[in-house]
Amino acid sequence: MPELPRLVIATRNSHKTEEIRHILGSRFEILDVTDFPNLPEIQETGTTFLENARLKALGISRHIDGLVLADDSGLEVDALGGAPGVWSSSFGGEEGNHAKNNQRLITEMADQDQRSARFLCTLVLAKNGMEIANYHGKIEGEISRQPSGNGGFGYDPLFIPTGYSQTLADLGPSIKSHLSHRAKAIQSFVLNVSSGDLVNL
């Protein structure tokens, strides 16, 4: 069998790596930055998902060989003026603390009747410090009044996709892998760049 092209995900978030691996299936050998000791921490100083994804993709690809795919994603809530946005992972005051993030969102939305929201995802593909392409995905929905489900991570227990009555966490990974903002961005990536093309990049 031919060797699979290697794709390094510019994250230390194991949930994100596993979700991307699940979506991509057996097309690539998927690694992330935890597989490479001594890589620098990339500061996400951008004000958009594209800026942050670009910082991570270019920053990591300067230190390792091959293709790097960086994701930046988050939740935009209309009643909160688009917050938490690019600060989704630290909305509760502590980076990566999903429980605190969700609790703040519940509190902020307690008296809100307008509950429309969306998840957005931007991917940037890079090699040797150069951007090759970027891809985008979006899913519309609304914020539940109480968390439900344990089949996801982040804000999944509070996000009900349009057309569904359950949260992403209730729906679970098999449905989420086709439905989510990240899935849509990755599907765009797969459609535009085949594994054969990647070997030659």
Protein backbone atom coordinates (compact mmCIF):
# COMPACT_ATOMS: atom_id res chain seq x y z
CA MET A 1 0.00 0.00 0.00
CA PRO A 2 1.25 3.52 -0.72
CA GLU A 3 2.28 5.53 2.29
CA LEU A 4 -0.39 7.94 3.50
CA PRO A 5 0.46 11.64 3.26
CA ARG A 6 1.18 13.10 6.68
CA LEU A 7 -0.89 15.99 7.96
CA VAL A 8 0.08 17.74 11.20
CA ILE A 9 -2.72 19.54 13.04
CA ALA A 10 -1.45 22.70 14.72
CA THR A 11 -3.13 22.05 18.06
CA ARG A 12 -2.54 20.56 21.48
CA ASN A 13 -6.28 20.00 21.91
CA SER A 14 -6.76 16.23 21.75
CA HIS A 15 -10.54 16.62 21.24
CA LYS A 16 -9.93 18.70 18.12
CA THR A 17 -7.34 16.27 16.75
CA GLU A 18 -9.64 13.29 17.26
CA GLU A 19 -12.56 15.10 15.65
CA ILE A 20 -10.46 15.97 12.58
CA ARG A 21 -9.11 12.41 12.43
CA HIS A 22 -12.67 11.07 12.58
CA ILE A 23 -13.83 13.37 9.77
CA LEU A 24 -10.84 12.66 7.50
CA GLY A 25 -10.90 8.91 8.07
CA SER A 26 -8.01 7.02 6.48
CA ARG A 27 -7.02 9.64 3.91
CA PHE A 28 -4.02 10.88 5.92
CA GLU A 29 -1.68 10.05 8.75
CA ILE A 30 -2.87 12.58 11.32
CA LEU A 31 -0.48 13.94 13.95
CA ASP A 32 -0.57 17.07 16.07
CA VAL A 33 1.99 19.25 17.81
CA THR A 34 2.06 16.99 20.89
CA ASP A 35 3.95 14.50 18.68
CA PHE A 36 6.81 17.01 18.27
CA PRO A 37 8.71 17.96 21.43
CA ASN A 38 10.01 21.50 21.84
CA LEU A 39 7.66 23.21 19.39
CA PRO A 40 6.93 26.80 20.43
CA GLU A 41 3.61 28.00 21.79
CA ILE A 42 1.97 30.15 19.14
CA GLN A 43 0.25 33.21 20.57
CA GLU A 44 -3.20 33.73 19.06
CA THR A 45 -3.10 37.51 18.82
CA GLY A 46 -5.38 37.84 15.79
CA THR A 47 -8.80 39.44 15.87
CA THR A 48 -10.36 37.03 13.35
CA PHE A 49 -10.46 33.25 12.97
CA LEU A 50 -8.45 33.53 9.75
CA GLU A 51 -5.70 35.58 11.41
CA ASN A 52 -5.36 33.11 14.29
CA ALA A 53 -5.44 30.04 12.04
CA ARG A 54 -2.79 31.64 9.84
CA LEU A 55 -0.57 32.45 12.84
CA LYS A 56 -0.71 28.83 14.00
CA ALA A 57 -0.27 27.22 10.58
CA LEU A 58 2.66 29.40 9.52
CA GLY A 59 4.27 29.38 12.95
CA ILE A 60 4.28 25.60 13.32
CA SER A 61 5.17 24.91 9.67
CA ARG A 62 8.41 26.87 10.10
CA HIS A 63 9.59 24.28 12.62
CA ILE A 64 8.57 20.94 11.08
CA ASP A 65 8.68 19.38 7.63
CA GLY A 66 5.57 18.68 5.65
CA LEU A 67 2.01 19.93 5.67
CA VAL A 68 0.43 21.70 8.62
CA LEU A 69 -3.29 22.34 9.01
CA ALA A 70 -4.41 24.88 11.61
CA ASP A 71 -7.94 25.43 12.78
CA ASP A 72 -9.43 28.42 14.51
CA SER A 73 -13.06 28.26 15.39
CA GLY A 74 -15.61 29.60 17.78
CA LEU A 75 -19.16 30.54 18.62
CA GLU A 76 -20.91 33.77 17.64
CA VAL A 77 -24.10 34.64 19.53
CA ASP A 78 -26.28 37.37 18.03
CA ALA A 79 -27.73 38.56 21.35
CA LEU A 80 -24.16 39.08 22.63
CA GLY A 81 -23.07 41.12 19.63
CA GLY A 82 -21.14 38.21 18.13
CA ALA A 83 -19.37 37.24 21.36
CA PRO A 84 -17.55 35.14 22.37
CA GLY A 85 -16.11 34.92 18.82
CA VAL A 86 -12.35 34.50 18.67
CA TRP A 87 -12.28 34.47 22.47
CA SER A 88 -14.57 31.42 22.67
CA SER A 89 -12.00 29.22 24.42
CA SER A 90 -11.39 31.76 27.21
CA PHE A 91 -14.89 33.25 27.55
CA GLY A 92 -15.26 31.98 31.11
CA GLY A 93 -11.98 33.54 32.23
CA GLU A 94 -9.73 30.48 31.97
CA GLU A 95 -8.32 29.23 28.68
CA GLY A 96 -9.80 25.91 27.63
CA ASN A 97 -12.12 25.54 30.63
CA HIS A 98 -15.30 24.32 28.93
CA ALA A 99 -17.36 24.25 32.12
CA LYS A 100 -16.61 27.90 32.92
CA ASN A 101 -17.19 28.95 29.31
CA ASN A 102 -20.57 27.24 29.24
CA GLN A 103 -21.59 28.63 32.62
CA ARG A 104 -20.84 32.18 31.54
CA LEU A 105 -22.80 31.67 28.33
CA ILE A 106 -25.80 30.35 30.30
CA THR A 107 -25.60 33.35 32.61
CA GLU A 108 -25.24 35.90 29.80
CA MET A 109 -28.18 34.37 27.91
CA ALA A 110 -30.50 33.85 30.89
CA ASP A 111 -32.86 36.73 30.04
CA GLN A 112 -32.44 36.63 26.26
CA ASP A 113 -35.28 35.60 23.96
CA GLN A 114 -33.16 35.97 20.83
CA ARG A 115 -31.01 32.85 20.94
CA SER A 116 -29.67 32.57 17.38
CA ALA A 117 -25.99 31.68 17.05
CA ARG A 118 -23.49 30.02 14.77
CA PHE A 119 -20.26 28.09 14.93
CA LEU A 120 -17.55 29.24 12.51
CA CYS A 121 -14.36 27.46 11.52
CA THR A 122 -11.39 28.56 9.43
CA LEU A 123 -8.61 26.20 8.36
CA VAL A 124 -5.25 27.25 6.98
CA LEU A 125 -2.97 24.78 5.18
CA ALA A 126 0.73 25.66 5.20
CA LYS A 127 4.15 24.25 4.41
CA ASN A 128 7.60 25.66 5.21
CA GLY A 129 6.14 28.89 6.59
CA MET A 130 4.03 29.57 3.48
CA GLU A 131 0.25 29.50 3.25
CA ILE A 132 -1.12 27.12 0.61
CA ALA A 133 -4.86 27.68 1.04
CA ASN A 134 -7.61 28.42 3.53
CA TYR A 135 -11.05 26.90 4.00
CA HIS A 136 -14.19 27.91 5.89
CA GLY A 137 -17.24 26.26 7.44
CA LYS A 138 -20.34 27.45 9.30
CA ILE A 139 -23.32 25.95 11.08
CA GLU A 140 -26.35 27.97 12.20
CA GLY A 141 -28.40 27.20 15.29
CA GLU A 142 -29.50 28.51 18.65
CA ILE A 143 -28.38 28.43 22.28
CA SER A 144 -30.20 26.03 24.57
CA ARG A 145 -31.26 27.26 28.01
CA GLN A 146 -29.60 24.29 29.72
CA PRO A 147 -26.72 22.01 28.69
CA SER A 148 -27.59 18.57 27.40
CA GLY A 149 -25.58 15.59 26.18
CA ASN A 150 -22.04 14.37 26.65
CA GLY A 151 -21.07 13.42 23.11
CA GLY A 152 -19.06 16.56 22.29
CA PHE A 153 -16.84 19.22 23.79
CA GLY A 154 -16.73 22.99 24.20
CA TYR A 155 -20.11 24.61 23.66
CA ASP A 156 -21.63 21.48 22.05
CA PRO A 157 -23.97 20.84 25.04
CA LEU A 158 -25.56 24.28 24.53
CA PHE A 159 -25.78 24.49 20.72
CA ILE A 160 -28.87 23.21 18.90
CA PRO A 161 -28.26 23.11 15.12
CA THR A 162 -30.98 24.48 12.85
CA GLY A 163 -33.34 21.69 11.85
CA TYR A 164 -32.65 19.64 14.99
CA SER A 165 -34.19 19.53 18.45
CA GLN A 166 -31.09 18.18 20.21
CA THR A 167 -27.74 19.75 20.99
CA LEU A 168 -24.56 18.77 19.16
CA ALA A 169 -23.52 16.91 22.31
CA ASP A 170 -26.77 14.91 22.19
CA LEU A 171 -26.38 14.15 18.49
CA GLY A 172 -22.92 12.65 18.99
CA PRO A 173 -19.81 12.35 16.79
CA SER A 174 -21.32 10.34 13.93
CA ILE A 175 -23.79 13.11 13.09
CA LYS A 176 -21.49 15.95 14.14
CA SER A 177 -18.76 14.69 11.80
CA HIS A 178 -21.04 15.52 8.85
CA LEU A 179 -22.85 18.53 10.26
CA SER A 180 -20.42 20.72 12.15
CA HIS A 181 -18.61 23.89 11.12
CA ARG A 182 -15.29 22.02 11.33
CA ALA A 183 -16.67 19.16 9.24
CA LYS A 184 -17.79 21.60 6.54
CA ALA A 185 -14.40 23.33 6.46
CA ILE A 186 -12.61 19.98 6.28
CA GLN A 187 -14.97 18.77 3.53
CA SER A 188 -14.03 21.89 1.56
CA PHE A 189 -10.36 21.07 2.14
CA VAL A 190 -10.86 17.47 0.96
CA LEU A 191 -12.80 18.54 -2.14
CA ASN A 192 -10.19 21.08 -3.16
CA VAL A 193 -7.01 19.17 -2.37
CA SER A 194 -6.86 15.42 -2.92
CA SER A 195 -4.42 13.26 -1.01
CA GLY A 196 -2.50 12.69 -4.24
CA ASP A 197 -2.05 16.44 -4.67
CA LEU A 198 -0.83 16.74 -1.09
CA VAL A 199 1.98 14.25 -1.65
CA ASN A 200 3.37 16.54 -4.36
CA LEU A 201 3.06 19.83 -2.48
